[in-house]
Amino acid sequence: MTSALTWGMRAQAQGQRIGVLMLHGKSPGSPDDPNFRPFQQKFESLGWLALLPDMPWSRNRYLQGDLDQALEEVAGHVRALRSQGATQIVLLGHSMGVPIAMAHAARGGDVQALVGLAPGHVPLLYDTAPALSAVHDSIAEARDLVAAGKGEETQRFWDINQGRQQRLIMSARNYLSYFDPASDAEMSVTAPKLPPGLPVFIAVGEKDPLFKHIRSYFFDRLPDNPHKRYLEVAGGHLQTPAEAYDAYVAWITQAVQVPG
C-alpha cells in the first residue's frame, strides 16, 4: 500500500484530497458491519476522508422513505465531504449500496469514481425469477394499490436478501421506488445512464449468489472508458470488500487523477 500512501501525500501537497462515501449493504447491513466498517480507518490512514453513515436501508432504518429520500441523503453526505476538503468524490458501495451509488451518478450527482463491491438488490430478478416469487407478488400488489389510489397507505410487502425473506412495512409508492424493475434502484436501468467518462470498478466474489450474473446483468451495459474494470475475487458476498481491497485502492489512485 506504499504507492497509495505516497500518492495520497503527493495529492495533498497539491491541494487534492479524496473523499470516500461508504454505502453499506441492506439490512442487516449497517455502519457497524464488521465486513465493511474497518475500511473507513484504512482509507483515513491513506490520507483520504471517509464517511460511513447510517442509510435508510440499514437494519436500524429498513426501509425508511423512498429512493428519492435516500438519494437526497447521499447528496448531503457528499456535500459534507466537500465541506471537509474533499476535491475528488468516490462512492464506494457494498451490496445495496451499489445500486444507490449508481442511481446517484445516473441522476447527475457529484461523483468522480464509483466502486461497487458484491452488488446486490436486483428488482428485475425479483420480478422475473421463479425462486423470488414472493417479491414478484409484492411488486404486483404494490402496483395495484397505486393504481387504486392507495399508494400512500402502509402495507406489508416482501424483500429477499441473500436468500432470506424479510418483511417490509411501508407504503406501496415507497416500496415501488425501491423494487419496481423500471426504477433507478435497478442497476440494469441506471448502468447505461452513467456519465460516459465516470470510472467504475465492480468486484464480485466467486461464492456470491449473483456471481454468474453481474457482468451480463449490468456491467456490460456501463459506458466504456479506460477506467472501467470488472474483478472476480475469492469468497462470498460478505468477504468481497476485504478480498478486493488492494485492487480497488490501487484502482482509485489511478482513476482519480491529480493534476501535475
Protein backbone atom coordinates (compact mmCIF):
# COMPACT_ATOMS: atom_id res chain seq x y z
CA MET A 1 0.00 0.00 0.00
CA THR A 2 3.09 2.23 -0.14
CA SER A 3 2.17 3.56 -3.59
CA ALA A 4 -1.30 4.58 -2.42
CA LEU A 5 0.15 6.31 0.65
CA THR A 6 2.73 8.09 -1.50
CA TRP A 7 0.01 9.13 -3.92
CA GLY A 8 -2.06 10.46 -1.02
CA MET A 9 0.82 12.57 0.28
CA ARG A 10 1.55 13.95 -3.18
CA ALA A 11 -2.12 14.69 -3.79
CA GLN A 12 -2.50 16.58 -0.51
CA ALA A 13 0.64 18.57 -1.29
CA GLN A 14 -1.09 19.69 -4.49
CA GLY A 15 -4.26 20.62 -2.63
CA GLN A 16 -6.13 17.47 -3.75
CA ARG A 17 -7.89 15.09 -1.38
CA ILE A 18 -10.08 12.05 -1.98
CA GLY A 19 -13.34 11.81 -0.11
CA VAL A 20 -14.90 8.34 0.09
CA LEU A 21 -18.60 7.97 0.84
CA MET A 22 -19.09 4.37 2.01
CA LEU A 23 -22.59 2.99 1.42
CA HIS A 24 -23.24 -0.17 3.44
CA GLY A 25 -25.44 -3.10 2.44
CA LYS A 26 -29.12 -3.78 3.07
CA SER A 27 -30.40 -4.93 6.47
CA PRO A 28 -28.75 -6.49 8.42
CA GLY A 29 -26.11 -4.22 6.92
CA SER A 30 -25.24 -1.08 8.86
CA PRO A 31 -22.30 1.23 9.65
CA ASP A 32 -21.27 -1.36 12.24
CA ASP A 33 -20.90 -4.17 9.69
CA PRO A 34 -17.56 -5.87 10.59
CA ASN A 35 -17.11 -6.80 6.93
CA PHE A 36 -17.21 -3.16 5.84
CA ARG A 37 -16.52 -0.78 8.73
CA PRO A 38 -12.75 -1.50 9.10
CA PHE A 39 -12.06 0.04 5.72
CA GLN A 40 -13.05 3.51 6.89
CA GLN A 41 -9.95 3.63 9.08
CA LYS A 42 -7.84 2.14 6.31
CA PHE A 43 -8.91 4.90 3.91
CA GLU A 44 -8.21 7.56 6.52
CA SER A 45 -4.73 6.10 7.07
CA LEU A 46 -4.06 6.85 3.39
CA GLY A 47 -4.91 10.49 3.99
CA TRP A 48 -8.38 10.18 2.48
CA LEU A 49 -11.56 11.49 4.04
CA ALA A 50 -14.15 8.75 4.66
CA LEU A 51 -17.78 8.76 5.80
CA LEU A 52 -19.82 5.65 6.65
CA PRO A 53 -23.32 6.93 7.52
CA ASP A 54 -26.41 5.01 8.59
CA MET A 55 -28.54 4.89 5.44
CA PRO A 56 -32.31 4.27 5.03
CA TRP A 57 -31.82 0.59 4.09
CA SER A 58 -29.81 -0.33 7.23
CA ARG A 59 -31.01 -2.71 9.93
CA ASN A 60 -31.77 0.37 12.02
CA ARG A 61 -33.96 2.11 9.41
CA TYR A 62 -35.05 -0.61 6.96
CA LEU A 63 -36.67 0.78 4.77
CA GLN A 64 -37.35 4.45 5.51
CA GLY A 65 -38.94 6.74 2.97
CA ASP A 66 -38.41 6.32 -0.73
CA LEU A 67 -35.48 6.21 -3.14
CA ASP A 68 -35.56 9.96 -3.66
CA GLN A 69 -35.07 10.49 0.08
CA ALA A 70 -32.15 8.07 0.09
CA LEU A 71 -30.50 9.90 -2.79
CA GLU A 72 -31.01 13.23 -1.04
CA GLU A 73 -29.14 11.77 1.92
CA VAL A 74 -26.32 10.59 -0.35
CA ALA A 75 -26.03 14.08 -1.83
CA GLY A 76 -25.96 15.57 1.67
CA HIS A 77 -23.10 13.30 2.73
CA VAL A 78 -21.19 14.19 -0.44
CA ARG A 79 -21.60 17.86 0.44
CA ALA A 80 -20.26 17.10 3.92
CA LEU A 81 -17.14 15.55 2.39
CA ARG A 82 -16.71 18.60 0.17
CA SER A 83 -17.02 20.89 3.19
CA GLN A 84 -14.24 18.91 4.91
CA GLY A 85 -11.90 19.49 2.00
CA ALA A 86 -12.57 16.62 -0.42
CA THR A 87 -11.74 17.56 -4.00
CA GLN A 88 -12.46 14.15 -5.56
CA ILE A 89 -15.54 12.14 -4.53
CA VAL A 90 -15.55 8.34 -4.62
CA LEU A 91 -18.77 6.48 -3.91
CA LEU A 92 -17.91 3.05 -2.54
CA GLY A 93 -20.93 0.77 -2.12
CA HIS A 94 -21.37 -2.74 -0.80
CA SER A 95 -24.40 -4.82 -1.83
CA MET A 96 -27.42 -2.46 -1.92
CA GLY A 97 -25.01 0.44 -1.62
CA VAL A 98 -24.02 -0.27 -5.23
CA PRO A 99 -27.37 0.45 -6.93
CA ILE A 100 -27.81 3.52 -4.73
CA ALA A 101 -24.39 4.82 -5.77
CA MET A 102 -25.25 4.14 -9.41
CA ALA A 103 -28.58 5.95 -9.09
CA HIS A 104 -26.79 8.97 -7.62
CA ALA A 105 -24.39 9.02 -10.57
CA ALA A 106 -27.12 8.37 -13.15
CA ARG A 107 -29.08 11.38 -11.89
CA GLY A 108 -26.09 13.66 -12.31
CA GLY A 109 -24.85 13.54 -8.72
CA ASP A 110 -21.42 14.73 -7.65
CA VAL A 111 -19.02 11.77 -8.04
CA GLN A 112 -15.64 11.28 -9.73
CA ALA A 113 -15.33 7.49 -9.31
CA LEU A 114 -17.62 4.63 -8.31
CA VAL A 115 -16.62 1.37 -6.62
CA GLY A 116 -19.21 -1.41 -6.38
CA LEU A 117 -18.46 -4.41 -4.14
CA ALA A 118 -20.71 -7.50 -4.30
CA PRO A 119 -23.59 -5.64 -5.97
CA GLY A 120 -26.97 -6.56 -4.53
CA HIS A 121 -30.67 -5.61 -4.70
CA VAL A 122 -31.97 -6.68 -8.12
CA PRO A 123 -35.60 -5.65 -8.77
CA LEU A 124 -35.58 -7.13 -12.28
CA LEU A 125 -34.65 -10.57 -10.96
CA TYR A 126 -37.10 -10.23 -8.07
CA ASP A 127 -39.82 -9.66 -10.64
CA THR A 128 -38.86 -12.41 -13.08
CA ALA A 129 -37.02 -15.26 -11.30
CA PRO A 130 -39.42 -18.02 -10.15
CA ALA A 131 -37.44 -18.58 -6.93
CA LEU A 132 -38.09 -14.97 -5.95
CA SER A 133 -41.85 -15.06 -6.49
CA ALA A 134 -42.64 -13.63 -3.05
CA VAL A 135 -41.16 -10.29 -4.09
CA HIS A 136 -42.76 -10.56 -7.54
CA ASP A 137 -46.15 -10.87 -5.87
CA SER A 138 -45.42 -7.88 -3.62
CA ILE A 139 -44.44 -5.77 -6.64
CA ALA A 140 -47.71 -6.70 -8.36
CA GLU A 141 -49.70 -5.89 -5.22
CA ALA A 142 -47.97 -2.53 -4.83
CA ARG A 143 -48.74 -1.63 -8.43
CA ASP A 144 -52.41 -2.49 -7.92
CA LEU A 145 -52.57 -0.36 -4.77
CA VAL A 146 -51.03 2.63 -6.52
CA ALA A 147 -53.43 2.21 -9.44
CA ALA A 148 -56.32 2.14 -6.99
CA GLY A 149 -55.23 5.39 -5.38
CA LYS A 150 -53.93 3.66 -2.25
CA GLY A 151 -50.23 4.21 -2.85
CA GLU A 152 -49.69 6.13 0.38
CA GLU A 153 -51.27 3.53 2.67
CA THR A 154 -48.92 1.46 4.82
CA GLN A 155 -48.90 -2.20 3.82
CA ARG A 156 -46.80 -5.35 4.31
CA PHE A 157 -44.51 -6.43 1.49
CA TRP A 158 -41.67 -8.91 0.97
CA ASP A 159 -37.99 -8.48 0.27
CA ILE A 160 -35.33 -11.17 -0.25
CA ASN A 161 -31.74 -10.60 0.86
CA GLN A 162 -29.13 -13.30 0.23
CA GLY A 163 -31.88 -15.94 0.02
CA ARG A 164 -33.66 -14.85 3.19
CA GLN A 165 -37.19 -13.43 3.03
CA GLN A 166 -37.74 -10.25 5.03
CA ARG A 167 -40.97 -8.38 5.78
CA LEU A 168 -41.27 -4.69 4.99
CA ILE A 169 -43.91 -2.34 6.34
CA MET A 170 -44.15 0.74 4.13
CA SER A 171 -46.34 2.45 1.57
CA ALA A 172 -46.83 0.91 -1.87
CA ARG A 173 -45.41 4.02 -3.52
CA ASN A 174 -42.24 3.92 -1.44
CA TYR A 175 -41.90 0.16 -1.96
CA LEU A 176 -42.07 0.55 -5.73
CA SER A 177 -39.43 3.28 -5.66
CA TYR A 178 -37.01 0.59 -4.48
CA PHE A 179 -38.47 -2.53 -6.11
CA ASP A 180 -40.01 -1.57 -9.46
CA PRO A 181 -37.76 -3.07 -12.17
CA ALA A 182 -38.09 0.19 -14.12
CA SER A 183 -36.92 2.34 -11.20
CA ASP A 184 -33.50 3.88 -10.65
CA ALA A 185 -32.93 1.30 -7.90
CA GLU A 186 -32.42 -1.25 -10.70
CA MET A 187 -28.80 -1.47 -11.85
CA SER A 188 -29.61 -2.60 -15.39
CA VAL A 189 -31.67 0.59 -15.76
CA THR A 190 -29.08 3.03 -14.41
CA ALA A 191 -25.95 1.41 -15.91
CA PRO A 192 -26.31 2.94 -19.40
CA LYS A 193 -27.27 6.29 -17.83
CA LEU A 194 -23.96 6.74 -16.02
CA PRO A 195 -21.76 9.57 -17.33
CA PRO A 196 -19.57 8.18 -20.14
CA GLY A 197 -16.33 9.29 -18.51
CA LEU A 198 -17.10 8.07 -14.99
CA PRO A 199 -14.58 5.46 -13.78
CA VAL A 200 -16.38 2.38 -12.43
CA PHE A 201 -14.86 -0.59 -10.57
CA ILE A 202 -17.04 -3.64 -9.85
CA ALA A 203 -15.91 -6.66 -7.81
CA VAL A 204 -17.85 -9.84 -7.04
CA GLY A 205 -16.90 -12.96 -5.09
CA GLU A 206 -16.97 -16.38 -6.71
CA LYS A 207 -19.31 -17.68 -3.98
CA ASP A 208 -21.75 -14.79 -4.29
CA PRO A 209 -25.27 -15.86 -5.42
CA LEU A 210 -25.05 -13.27 -8.21
CA PHE A 211 -21.53 -14.25 -9.30
CA LYS A 212 -22.60 -15.59 -12.71
CA HIS A 213 -24.97 -12.72 -13.41
CA ILE A 214 -23.27 -9.42 -12.63
CA ARG A 215 -21.30 -8.95 -15.86
CA SER A 216 -24.25 -9.50 -18.21
CA TYR A 217 -26.82 -8.10 -15.78
CA PHE A 218 -25.42 -4.57 -15.75
CA PHE A 219 -21.62 -4.30 -16.05
CA ASP A 220 -21.58 -4.77 -19.83
CA ARG A 221 -24.20 -2.02 -20.07
CA LEU A 222 -21.93 0.56 -18.49
CA PRO A 223 -20.41 3.13 -20.87
CA ASP A 224 -16.91 2.13 -21.93
CA ASN A 225 -13.95 4.14 -20.69
CA PRO A 226 -10.30 3.40 -19.83
CA HIS A 227 -11.08 3.09 -16.11
CA LYS A 228 -13.98 0.64 -16.31
CA ARG A 229 -12.95 -2.55 -14.50
CA TYR A 230 -14.60 -5.83 -13.52
CA LEU A 231 -12.89 -8.09 -10.95
CA GLU A 232 -13.72 -11.57 -9.67
CA VAL A 233 -12.33 -12.48 -6.26
CA ALA A 234 -12.37 -15.39 -3.84
CA GLY A 235 -15.01 -15.62 -1.13
CA GLY A 236 -18.64 -14.68 -0.99
CA HIS A 237 -20.86 -11.63 -0.65
CA LEU A 238 -19.59 -10.51 2.75
CA GLN A 239 -15.92 -11.17 2.04
CA THR A 240 -15.70 -9.13 -1.17
CA PRO A 241 -14.77 -5.76 0.44
CA ALA A 242 -11.70 -7.38 2.01
CA GLU A 243 -10.78 -9.66 -0.88
CA ALA A 244 -10.82 -6.79 -3.40
CA TYR A 245 -9.28 -4.12 -1.14
CA ASP A 246 -5.79 -3.90 -2.62
CA ALA A 247 -7.20 -3.88 -6.15
CA TYR A 248 -9.73 -1.09 -5.67
CA VAL A 249 -7.38 1.12 -3.64
CA ALA A 250 -4.79 0.87 -6.40
CA TRP A 251 -7.52 1.48 -8.99
CA ILE A 252 -8.77 4.59 -7.18
CA THR A 253 -5.29 6.10 -7.15
CA GLN A 254 -5.14 5.67 -10.93
CA ALA A 255 -8.73 6.56 -11.80
CA VAL A 256 -8.88 9.75 -9.74
CA GLN A 257 -6.05 11.69 -11.30
CA VAL A 258 -4.17 14.53 -9.63
CA PRO A 259 -3.21 17.47 -11.83
CA GLY A 260 0.51 17.82 -12.46
